[in-house]
Amino acid sequence: MTRVLIPAGALGLGYDRAALERGVANRPDIIAIDGGSTDSGPSYLGRGVSKYSRASTKVEWRELMQARAKAGVPLVIGTAGTCGADAAVDWLFDITREIALEEGMQVKVATLKSGQPKERVKAALGEGRLHALPAAPDINEAIVDDCTNIVALAGVEQVAAALATGADIVIAGRTTDTAIIAALPVVRGDHAGAAWHGAKVGECGALATTQPNSGVIQIDFDASGFTIEPMAADAAATPYTVSAHMLYENSDPFILHEPGGHLDVTRSEYEALDGRRVRVEGSKWVPGGYTVKLEGARIVGYQTVGLAVVRERRYVEHVREWAADVEARVRDKIVARMGLAPDAFTVEIRLIGMDATLGALENRHDIPVEVGILGILTCPTAELAAEAGKILNPYLLHHPLTEDEPMPTFAFPFSPAEMQRGALYEFCLNHVMELDDPLAAFVLETHEVGHA
């Protein structure tokens, strides 16, 4: 039997401290936590940085390092620093080294880096070992060359290799959300289907319980299934909350693809053992060819944004036609005065409080008291984006609905009204790469840090 303690859905989100203490007291075999995902868009991977503050990360990581020391078991994190890029692994390793010195700890740290050299990816493309996932963009060598960071999602094999070094702490780059939880149960011979299924249920901590914000859960894996129990005093796992998690970020509620095969929960059975715990059996792991998913991000332009607020009732009622007129005039002026081709830039006005989220799909048309006007200009360079932002500025401040009415003045929440957002990134890889050796595309190193 293998007991995995999961403190939260991601490092930096917070968790119930009392629940963590309860989990440590239950003598886990490993503490595993995710470090991020692609949820917040491509910029973090493109830049190789974390979305979470360093201060918050350090506070929570310190507590988990202390919990690890108290439990005397490994602590593993996957997708370190939100994006799992090599620079993000180094970022968390530096934090780990600081904490070890401050706490008087002497620990062995394994770093597992997932960054992919462009030549490796281009070679796989040329050899037919790169395969598009559904809705993947078309790629070529030039697009691969444009990527600022490319990562491969590690699976159980790579995480298991890191644990096999005897490391106290494993800091992994991009991994599948499940791999860090499933690795030790699989290595120790627990039921493979249960290992992957329980890992999927536990990937977001207490999200699969009645108190999703409490964070901490415990999963016991054995030869025939797994048992999940939340550690927060008022939380409970139910067959509904546990089974429903297969729908989370997964297009098929019964099949989950992972490196080296897929999980099939078609015949899984969920049983409430009591008011808090759920037992699951019948999950099946189906081995297959070994592939790892690739994620890549590249710069596709530079942005300037401008913000104004319109409150005058007549303008609010006609704000969509006003915004369309502003868009058209700014677009024409950029072509005429900056010399840019119409397809070399974009001008977009989003109406915050009207339909900024859904656009044309919005089916509510209530008239609000005020509307935020967000102008977004995307150009080939930062200098051009800044210039385009200055063309937009006077329209946000003074543009009238009609030519024969007095010039209005709208509200700028700050000055200057336009802000340089810098580089705009996009995801440009959604492919899997075949590997003959699961470890061939990853770099595993060990480090001794801190002092006794």
Protein backbone atom coordinates (compact mmCIF):
# COMPACT_ATOMS: atom_id res chain seq x y z
CA MET A 1 0.00 0.00 0.00
CA THR A 2 1.19 3.51 -0.83
CA ARG A 3 -0.17 6.63 0.88
CA VAL A 4 0.13 9.90 -1.04
CA LEU A 5 -0.52 13.25 0.65
CA ILE A 6 -1.59 16.06 -1.68
CA PRO A 7 -1.53 19.49 0.04
CA ALA A 8 -3.31 21.52 -2.68
CA GLY A 9 -4.17 21.73 -6.33
CA ALA A 10 -1.14 23.95 -6.96
CA LEU A 11 1.66 25.50 -4.98
CA GLY A 12 0.74 29.13 -4.39
CA LEU A 13 -3.02 28.62 -4.01
CA GLY A 14 -2.95 28.10 -0.24
CA TYR A 15 -4.34 25.24 1.86
CA ASP A 16 -5.72 24.34 5.28
CA ARG A 17 -2.72 24.21 7.66
CA ALA A 18 -4.52 22.05 10.23
CA ALA A 19 -5.45 19.60 7.46
CA LEU A 20 -1.81 19.41 6.38
CA GLU A 21 -0.76 18.60 9.94
CA ARG A 22 -3.42 15.90 10.09
CA GLY A 23 -2.14 14.44 6.85
CA VAL A 24 1.47 14.41 8.03
CA ALA A 25 0.40 12.67 11.25
CA ASN A 26 -1.11 9.89 9.12
CA ARG A 27 2.40 8.92 7.99
CA PRO A 28 2.30 9.34 4.18
CA ASP A 29 4.85 7.69 1.92
CA ILE A 30 5.23 10.80 -0.23
CA ILE A 31 3.98 14.39 -0.46
CA ALA A 32 3.09 15.47 -3.99
CA ILE A 33 1.88 18.82 -5.32
CA ASP A 34 1.39 20.38 -8.72
CA GLY A 35 3.13 23.65 -9.56
CA GLY A 36 1.04 24.97 -12.43
CA SER A 37 -0.64 24.40 -15.78
CA THR A 38 -1.46 26.12 -19.04
CA ASP A 39 -4.67 27.61 -17.57
CA SER A 40 -3.35 31.17 -17.54
CA GLY A 41 -2.25 31.23 -21.14
CA PRO A 42 0.98 31.03 -23.13
CA SER A 43 2.88 34.02 -21.72
CA TYR A 44 4.28 32.14 -18.71
CA LEU A 45 5.69 29.37 -20.87
CA GLY A 46 6.85 31.88 -23.47
CA ARG A 47 8.78 33.85 -20.85
CA GLY A 48 9.67 30.87 -18.65
CA VAL A 49 8.30 32.48 -15.47
CA SER A 50 5.81 31.73 -12.69
CA LYS A 51 2.42 33.39 -12.37
CA TYR A 52 2.56 33.04 -8.58
CA SER A 53 4.42 35.51 -6.42
CA ARG A 54 7.83 34.46 -5.16
CA ALA A 55 6.89 35.53 -1.64
CA SER A 56 3.77 33.35 -1.53
CA THR A 57 5.56 30.44 -3.14
CA LYS A 58 8.39 30.63 -0.62
CA VAL A 59 6.02 30.68 2.37
CA GLU A 60 4.08 27.61 1.20
CA TRP A 61 7.17 25.73 -0.03
CA ARG A 62 8.86 26.32 3.32
CA GLU A 63 5.87 24.75 5.10
CA LEU A 64 5.93 21.77 2.76
CA MET A 65 9.67 21.32 3.22
CA GLN A 66 9.08 21.36 6.99
CA ALA A 67 6.26 18.83 6.59
CA ARG A 68 8.54 16.63 4.49
CA ALA A 69 11.23 16.73 7.15
CA LYS A 70 8.73 15.86 9.86
CA ALA A 71 7.27 12.96 7.86
CA GLY A 72 10.67 11.79 6.64
CA VAL A 73 9.40 11.18 3.10
CA PRO A 74 10.08 12.63 -0.37
CA LEU A 75 8.43 15.87 -1.50
CA VAL A 76 7.79 16.13 -5.24
CA ILE A 77 6.42 18.98 -7.33
CA GLY A 78 5.54 18.84 -11.01
CA THR A 79 5.28 21.69 -13.55
CA ALA A 80 7.41 23.86 -11.29
CA GLY A 81 6.92 27.61 -11.59
CA THR A 82 3.56 27.41 -13.40
CA CYS A 83 4.96 26.55 -16.83
CA GLY A 84 7.58 23.90 -16.12
CA ALA A 85 10.23 25.57 -18.29
CA ASP A 86 13.85 24.98 -17.32
CA ALA A 87 14.14 28.56 -16.01
CA ALA A 88 11.14 27.94 -13.74
CA VAL A 89 12.79 24.81 -12.32
CA ASP A 90 15.89 26.89 -11.57
CA TRP A 91 13.67 29.54 -9.93
CA LEU A 92 12.12 27.06 -7.51
CA PHE A 93 15.48 25.39 -6.91
CA ASP A 94 16.90 28.75 -5.81
CA ILE A 95 13.98 29.18 -3.40
CA THR A 96 14.59 25.66 -2.08
CA ARG A 97 18.27 26.39 -1.51
CA GLU A 98 17.41 29.61 0.36
CA ILE A 99 14.94 27.83 2.63
CA ALA A 100 17.35 24.98 3.34
CA LEU A 101 20.00 27.44 4.47
CA GLU A 102 17.53 29.47 6.55
CA GLU A 103 16.05 26.38 8.21
CA GLY A 104 19.31 24.57 8.81
CA MET A 105 18.26 21.68 6.55
CA GLN A 106 20.56 19.48 4.55
CA VAL A 107 18.62 17.96 1.66
CA LYS A 108 19.24 16.14 -1.58
CA VAL A 109 17.31 17.76 -4.44
CA ALA A 110 16.68 16.17 -7.82
CA THR A 111 15.81 18.50 -10.69
CA LEU A 112 14.03 17.01 -13.68
CA LYS A 113 14.07 19.38 -16.64
CA SER A 114 11.58 19.06 -19.48
CA GLY A 115 12.87 21.71 -21.89
CA GLN A 116 13.28 20.52 -25.48
CA PRO A 117 16.05 21.71 -27.81
CA LYS A 118 14.60 22.92 -31.11
CA GLU A 119 16.85 20.57 -33.08
CA ARG A 120 15.35 17.55 -31.29
CA VAL A 121 11.82 18.68 -32.12
CA LYS A 122 12.69 19.45 -35.74
CA ALA A 123 14.35 16.05 -36.07
CA ALA A 124 11.22 14.35 -34.73
CA LEU A 125 9.12 16.37 -37.18
CA GLY A 126 11.29 15.35 -40.10
CA GLU A 127 11.34 11.68 -39.07
CA GLY A 128 7.58 11.46 -38.69
CA ARG A 129 7.75 11.00 -34.92
CA LEU A 130 5.72 14.14 -34.18
CA HIS A 131 1.94 13.73 -34.33
CA ALA A 132 -0.75 16.39 -34.11
CA LEU A 133 -3.40 16.16 -31.43
CA PRO A 134 -6.98 17.19 -32.28
CA ALA A 135 -7.23 20.87 -33.27
CA ALA A 136 -3.44 21.24 -33.27
CA PRO A 137 -2.07 24.09 -35.40
CA ASP A 138 -0.03 23.36 -38.51
CA ILE A 139 3.68 23.45 -37.76
CA ASN A 140 6.94 23.55 -39.65
CA GLU A 141 10.60 24.06 -38.82
CA ALA A 142 10.23 27.84 -38.90
CA ILE A 143 7.51 27.76 -36.24
CA VAL A 144 9.66 25.49 -34.06
CA ASP A 145 12.53 27.96 -34.45
CA ASP A 146 10.21 30.79 -33.36
CA CYS A 147 9.44 29.12 -30.02
CA THR A 148 10.99 30.77 -26.98
CA ASN A 149 10.34 27.66 -24.85
CA ILE A 150 9.29 24.11 -25.68
CA VAL A 151 8.56 21.57 -22.95
CA ALA A 152 7.61 17.89 -22.93
CA LEU A 153 5.17 16.57 -20.36
CA ALA A 154 6.95 13.98 -18.23
CA GLY A 155 5.13 10.86 -17.07
CA VAL A 156 5.58 8.24 -14.38
CA GLU A 157 8.86 6.92 -15.75
CA GLN A 158 10.72 10.22 -15.49
CA VAL A 159 9.34 11.08 -12.04
CA ALA A 160 10.16 7.56 -10.85
CA ALA A 161 13.75 7.98 -12.07
CA ALA A 162 14.03 11.18 -10.05
CA LEU A 163 12.69 9.44 -6.93
CA ALA A 164 15.10 6.55 -7.49
CA THR A 165 18.03 8.92 -6.89
CA GLY A 166 17.04 8.94 -3.22
CA ALA A 167 16.24 12.65 -3.38
CA ASP A 168 14.46 14.26 -0.46
CA ILE A 169 12.90 16.78 -2.86
CA VAL A 170 12.11 16.42 -6.56
CA ILE A 171 11.58 19.61 -8.55
CA ALA A 172 10.21 18.58 -11.92
CA GLY A 173 9.63 20.71 -14.98
CA ARG A 174 6.51 20.17 -17.04
CA THR A 175 4.78 16.94 -16.09
CA THR A 176 1.31 15.59 -16.60
CA ASP A 177 -0.81 16.55 -13.59
CA THR A 178 -1.17 12.89 -12.67
CA ALA A 179 2.42 11.67 -13.03
CA ILE A 180 3.73 13.02 -9.72
CA ILE A 181 0.95 11.21 -7.81
CA ALA A 182 0.94 7.97 -9.78
CA ALA A 183 4.72 7.46 -9.90
CA LEU A 184 5.38 5.95 -6.47
CA PRO A 185 2.31 3.65 -6.44
CA VAL A 186 3.27 2.32 -9.89
CA VAL A 187 6.90 1.77 -8.85
CA ARG A 188 5.81 -0.07 -5.72
CA GLY A 189 3.54 -2.43 -7.64
CA ASP A 190 0.14 -1.07 -6.68
CA HIS A 191 -2.70 -1.51 -9.16
CA ALA A 192 -1.71 0.50 -12.25
CA GLY A 193 -5.25 1.50 -13.19
CA ALA A 194 -5.91 2.64 -9.63
CA ALA A 195 -2.63 4.57 -9.57
CA TRP A 196 -3.52 6.60 -12.65
CA HIS A 197 -7.20 7.01 -11.75
CA GLY A 198 -6.49 8.08 -8.18
CA ALA A 199 -3.88 10.49 -9.48
CA LYS A 200 -6.41 12.03 -11.84
CA VAL A 201 -8.91 12.42 -8.99
CA GLY A 202 -6.26 13.91 -6.71
CA GLU A 203 -4.52 16.23 -9.18
CA CYS A 204 -6.37 19.31 -7.90
CA GLY A 205 -6.27 18.44 -4.21
CA ALA A 206 -9.62 18.84 -2.51
CA LEU A 207 -11.45 19.86 -5.69
CA ALA A 208 -12.86 16.32 -5.76
CA THR A 209 -14.45 16.79 -2.30
CA THR A 210 -17.30 18.78 -0.78
CA GLN A 211 -14.84 21.46 0.42
CA PRO A 212 -12.75 22.18 -2.69
CA ASN A 213 -10.86 25.11 -1.16
CA SER A 214 -9.54 23.13 1.82
CA GLY A 215 -6.73 21.76 -0.33
CA VAL A 216 -5.39 18.71 1.47
CA ILE A 217 -6.34 15.12 0.61
CA GLN A 218 -4.89 11.68 1.22
CA ILE A 219 -5.07 8.79 -1.25
CA ASP A 220 -4.22 5.21 -0.34
CA PHE A 221 -3.27 2.96 -3.28
CA ASP A 222 -3.14 -0.84 -3.06
CA ALA A 223 -3.28 -3.99 -5.17
CA SER A 224 -6.91 -3.57 -6.26
CA GLY A 225 -7.92 0.08 -6.04
CA PHE A 226 -7.61 3.34 -4.13
CA THR A 227 -9.28 5.13 -1.24
CA ILE A 228 -9.53 8.91 -1.06
CA GLU A 229 -10.06 10.90 2.13
CA PRO A 230 -9.95 14.69 2.61
CA MET A 231 -7.94 15.94 5.56
CA ALA A 232 -10.02 19.04 6.36
CA ALA A 233 -12.33 18.46 9.31
CA ASP A 234 -15.53 19.45 7.50
CA ALA A 235 -14.73 18.01 4.07
CA ALA A 236 -15.99 14.76 2.60
CA ALA A 237 -15.41 12.72 -0.53
CA THR A 238 -18.51 11.23 -2.13
CA PRO A 239 -18.95 8.89 -5.10
CA TYR A 240 -20.30 11.91 -7.01
CA THR A 241 -17.39 14.27 -6.24
CA VAL A 242 -14.84 11.56 -7.00
CA SER A 243 -16.35 10.19 -10.21
CA ALA A 244 -17.09 13.67 -11.55
CA HIS A 245 -13.41 14.61 -11.62
CA MET A 246 -12.84 12.52 -14.74
CA LEU A 247 -14.77 15.28 -16.52
CA TYR A 248 -12.37 17.96 -15.32
CA GLU A 249 -10.17 19.21 -18.18
CA ASN A 250 -10.80 15.97 -20.04
CA SER A 251 -12.81 15.58 -23.23
CA ASP A 252 -13.70 11.94 -22.51
CA PRO A 253 -15.14 11.07 -19.06
CA PHE A 254 -13.92 7.47 -19.34
CA ILE A 255 -10.54 7.65 -21.12
CA LEU A 256 -7.45 9.60 -20.07
CA HIS A 257 -4.34 9.51 -22.26
CA GLU A 258 -0.95 9.59 -20.55
CA PRO A 259 2.63 8.83 -21.60
CA GLY A 260 2.85 5.11 -22.33
CA GLY A 261 -0.84 4.29 -22.52
CA HIS A 262 -4.27 5.34 -21.36
CA LEU A 263 -6.57 5.01 -18.36
CA ASP A 264 -10.01 3.41 -18.85
CA VAL A 265 -12.57 3.94 -16.06
CA THR A 266 -15.54 2.50 -17.94
CA ARG A 267 -15.93 -0.28 -15.35
CA SER A 268 -14.83 1.65 -12.28
CA GLU A 269 -17.03 1.32 -9.19
CA TYR A 270 -17.30 3.99 -6.51
CA GLU A 271 -18.29 3.12 -2.96
CA ALA A 272 -18.77 5.41 0.04
CA LEU A 273 -16.98 3.68 2.92
CA ASP A 274 -18.38 6.18 5.41
CA GLY A 275 -19.27 9.86 5.49
CA ARG A 276 -15.78 10.97 4.41
CA ARG A 277 -14.03 8.27 2.36
CA VAL A 278 -14.63 6.78 -1.06
CA ARG A 279 -13.25 3.50 -2.38
CA VAL A 280 -12.70 3.00 -6.12
CA GLU A 281 -11.98 -0.27 -7.92
CA GLY A 282 -12.21 -1.53 -11.49
CA SER A 283 -10.03 1.09 -13.19
CA LYS A 284 -7.85 -0.21 -16.01
CA TRP A 285 -4.48 0.90 -17.35
CA VAL A 286 -3.98 0.05 -21.05
CA PRO A 287 -0.31 0.20 -22.14
CA GLY A 288 0.52 1.71 -25.52
CA GLY A 289 3.30 3.35 -27.50
CA TYR A 290 5.40 5.83 -25.57
CA THR A 291 4.76 9.44 -26.48
CA VAL A 292 5.08 12.72 -24.61
CA LYS A 293 2.98 15.80 -25.28
CA LEU A 294 4.84 18.92 -26.37
CA GLU A 295 3.89 22.49 -25.52
CA GLY A 296 5.55 25.45 -27.18
CA ALA A 297 5.01 29.20 -27.14
CA ARG A 298 6.22 31.92 -29.49
CA ILE A 299 5.97 35.70 -29.85
CA VAL A 300 3.36 36.77 -32.41
CA GLY A 301 3.41 40.51 -31.82
CA TYR A 302 3.56 43.26 -29.24
CA GLN A 303 0.64 44.95 -27.55
CA THR A 304 -0.42 48.28 -26.18
CA VAL A 305 -3.70 48.58 -24.29
CA GLY A 306 -5.72 51.66 -23.42
CA LEU A 307 -8.57 51.98 -20.95
CA ALA A 308 -11.37 54.53 -20.58
CA VAL A 309 -14.76 54.53 -18.86
CA VAL A 310 -17.97 55.76 -20.51
CA ARG A 311 -20.82 56.69 -18.17
CA GLU A 312 -23.01 59.22 -20.02
CA ARG A 313 -26.32 57.45 -20.63
CA ARG A 314 -26.68 58.17 -24.32
CA TYR A 315 -23.17 56.94 -25.05
CA VAL A 316 -23.70 53.81 -22.97
CA GLU A 317 -26.87 53.01 -24.90
CA HIS A 318 -25.03 53.38 -28.23
CA VAL A 319 -21.63 52.14 -27.09
CA ARG A 320 -21.41 49.29 -29.60
CA GLU A 321 -21.77 51.55 -32.63
CA TRP A 322 -19.43 54.10 -30.98
CA ALA A 323 -16.81 51.38 -30.43
CA ALA A 324 -17.14 50.13 -34.01
CA ASP A 325 -16.58 53.67 -35.29
CA VAL A 326 -13.49 54.10 -33.07
CA GLU A 327 -12.08 50.79 -34.31
CA ALA A 328 -12.56 51.76 -37.94
CA ARG A 329 -11.11 55.24 -37.57
CA VAL A 330 -8.05 54.07 -35.61
CA ARG A 331 -7.42 51.28 -38.10
CA ASP A 332 -7.58 53.70 -41.05
CA LYS A 333 -5.31 56.21 -39.34
CA ILE A 334 -2.67 53.57 -38.49
CA VAL A 335 -2.57 52.55 -42.17
CA ALA A 336 -2.44 56.15 -43.38
CA ARG A 337 0.02 57.63 -40.89
CA MET A 338 2.16 54.70 -39.78
CA GLY A 339 2.35 53.00 -43.16
CA LEU A 340 1.40 49.55 -41.84
CA ALA A 341 -0.42 47.10 -44.10
CA PRO A 342 -3.96 46.31 -42.87
CA ASP A 343 -3.04 42.68 -42.14
CA ALA A 344 0.11 43.64 -40.16
CA PHE A 345 -1.73 44.79 -37.04
CA THR A 346 -5.04 44.47 -35.19
CA VAL A 347 -7.26 46.95 -33.37
CA GLU A 348 -9.81 45.56 -30.94
CA ILE A 349 -12.25 47.33 -28.61
CA ARG A 350 -13.71 45.27 -25.78
CA LEU A 351 -16.71 46.56 -23.88
CA ILE A 352 -16.30 45.66 -20.23
CA GLY A 353 -19.72 45.33 -18.65
CA MET A 354 -21.39 44.62 -21.99
CA ASP A 355 -19.87 41.68 -23.85
CA ALA A 356 -16.13 41.74 -23.19
CA THR A 357 -16.08 38.03 -22.36
CA LEU A 358 -18.39 36.47 -24.96
CA GLY A 359 -18.50 39.08 -27.72
CA ALA A 360 -21.11 38.20 -30.32
CA LEU A 361 -22.18 35.16 -28.28
CA GLU A 362 -23.49 37.34 -25.44
CA ASN A 363 -27.26 36.88 -25.05
CA ARG A 364 -27.87 39.44 -22.31
CA HIS A 365 -28.30 43.00 -23.45
CA ASP A 366 -29.03 44.90 -20.26
CA ILE A 367 -27.86 48.51 -20.33
CA PRO A 368 -25.33 49.05 -17.51
CA VAL A 369 -24.64 52.32 -15.71
CA GLU A 370 -21.15 52.54 -17.18
CA VAL A 371 -18.95 50.64 -19.61
CA GLY A 372 -15.20 50.11 -19.57
CA ILE A 373 -13.62 50.63 -22.98
CA LEU A 374 -10.55 48.45 -23.40
CA GLY A 375 -8.59 49.07 -26.57
CA ILE A 376 -6.06 46.43 -27.60
CA LEU A 377 -3.54 47.12 -30.37
CA THR A 378 -1.23 44.39 -31.64
CA CYS A 379 1.69 45.24 -33.93
CA PRO A 380 4.88 43.57 -35.17
CA THR A 381 7.16 45.52 -32.77
CA ALA A 382 6.88 47.13 -29.36
CA GLU A 383 7.67 50.55 -30.86
CA LEU A 384 4.88 50.26 -33.41
CA ALA A 385 2.43 49.11 -30.74
CA ALA A 386 3.31 52.12 -28.58
CA GLU A 387 2.78 54.47 -31.54
CA ALA A 388 -0.56 52.84 -32.37
CA GLY A 389 -1.62 53.25 -28.75
CA LYS A 390 -1.07 56.98 -29.03
CA ILE A 391 -3.29 57.09 -32.09
CA LEU A 392 -6.03 55.35 -30.10
CA ASN A 393 -5.69 57.64 -27.05
CA PRO A 394 -7.61 60.73 -28.23
CA TYR A 395 -10.46 58.60 -29.53
CA LEU A 396 -10.93 57.00 -26.11
CA LEU A 397 -10.96 60.43 -24.51
CA HIS A 398 -12.98 62.60 -26.90
CA HIS A 399 -14.64 60.75 -29.80
CA PRO A 400 -18.26 61.87 -30.34
CA LEU A 401 -21.13 59.66 -31.46
CA THR A 402 -21.96 62.03 -34.34
CA GLU A 403 -20.09 64.75 -36.19
CA ASP A 404 -22.48 67.56 -35.24
CA GLU A 405 -22.42 67.32 -31.45
CA PRO A 406 -20.06 68.78 -28.84
CA MET A 407 -16.87 66.84 -28.19
CA PRO A 408 -17.29 64.61 -25.10
CA THR A 409 -14.67 63.85 -22.48
CA PHE A 410 -14.61 60.38 -20.98
CA ALA A 411 -12.79 59.14 -17.91
CA PHE A 412 -9.25 57.80 -17.96
CA PRO A 413 -8.55 55.81 -14.77
CA PHE A 414 -4.85 56.69 -14.99
CA SER A 415 -2.35 58.70 -16.98
CA PRO A 416 -0.97 57.83 -19.43
CA ALA A 417 -4.08 55.95 -20.53
CA GLU A 418 -2.12 53.51 -22.69
CA MET A 419 0.11 50.78 -21.27
CA GLN A 420 2.77 48.70 -22.97
CA ARG A 421 1.96 45.02 -22.49
CA GLY A 422 5.07 43.89 -24.25
CA ALA A 423 5.30 40.63 -26.17
CA LEU A 424 2.15 38.71 -27.09
CA TYR A 425 2.64 34.93 -27.02
CA GLU A 426 0.63 32.09 -28.50
CA PHE A 427 0.72 28.33 -28.00
CA CYS A 428 1.95 26.84 -31.27
CA LEU A 429 2.50 23.17 -30.41
CA ASN A 430 -0.17 20.66 -29.45
CA HIS A 431 1.57 17.52 -30.56
CA VAL A 432 2.96 14.29 -29.16
CA MET A 433 6.52 13.10 -29.77
CA GLU A 434 7.44 9.42 -29.95
CA LEU A 435 10.26 8.30 -27.65
CA ASP A 436 12.15 5.01 -27.72
CA ASP A 437 13.61 5.79 -24.29
CA PRO A 438 11.29 7.70 -21.89
CA LEU A 439 14.28 9.41 -20.28
CA ALA A 440 15.96 10.48 -23.52
CA ALA A 441 14.17 13.85 -23.72
CA PHE A 442 14.69 14.86 -20.07
CA VAL A 443 17.62 16.02 -17.95
CA LEU A 444 17.90 14.63 -14.42
CA GLU A 445 20.43 16.07 -11.96
CA THR A 446 20.94 15.86 -8.20
CA HIS A 447 22.17 18.55 -5.82
CA GLU A 448 23.09 18.69 -2.16
CA VAL A 449 21.84 21.94 -0.63
CA GLY A 450 21.72 23.54 2.81
CA HIS A 451 23.62 22.45 5.87
CA ALA A 452 22.92 20.44 8.99
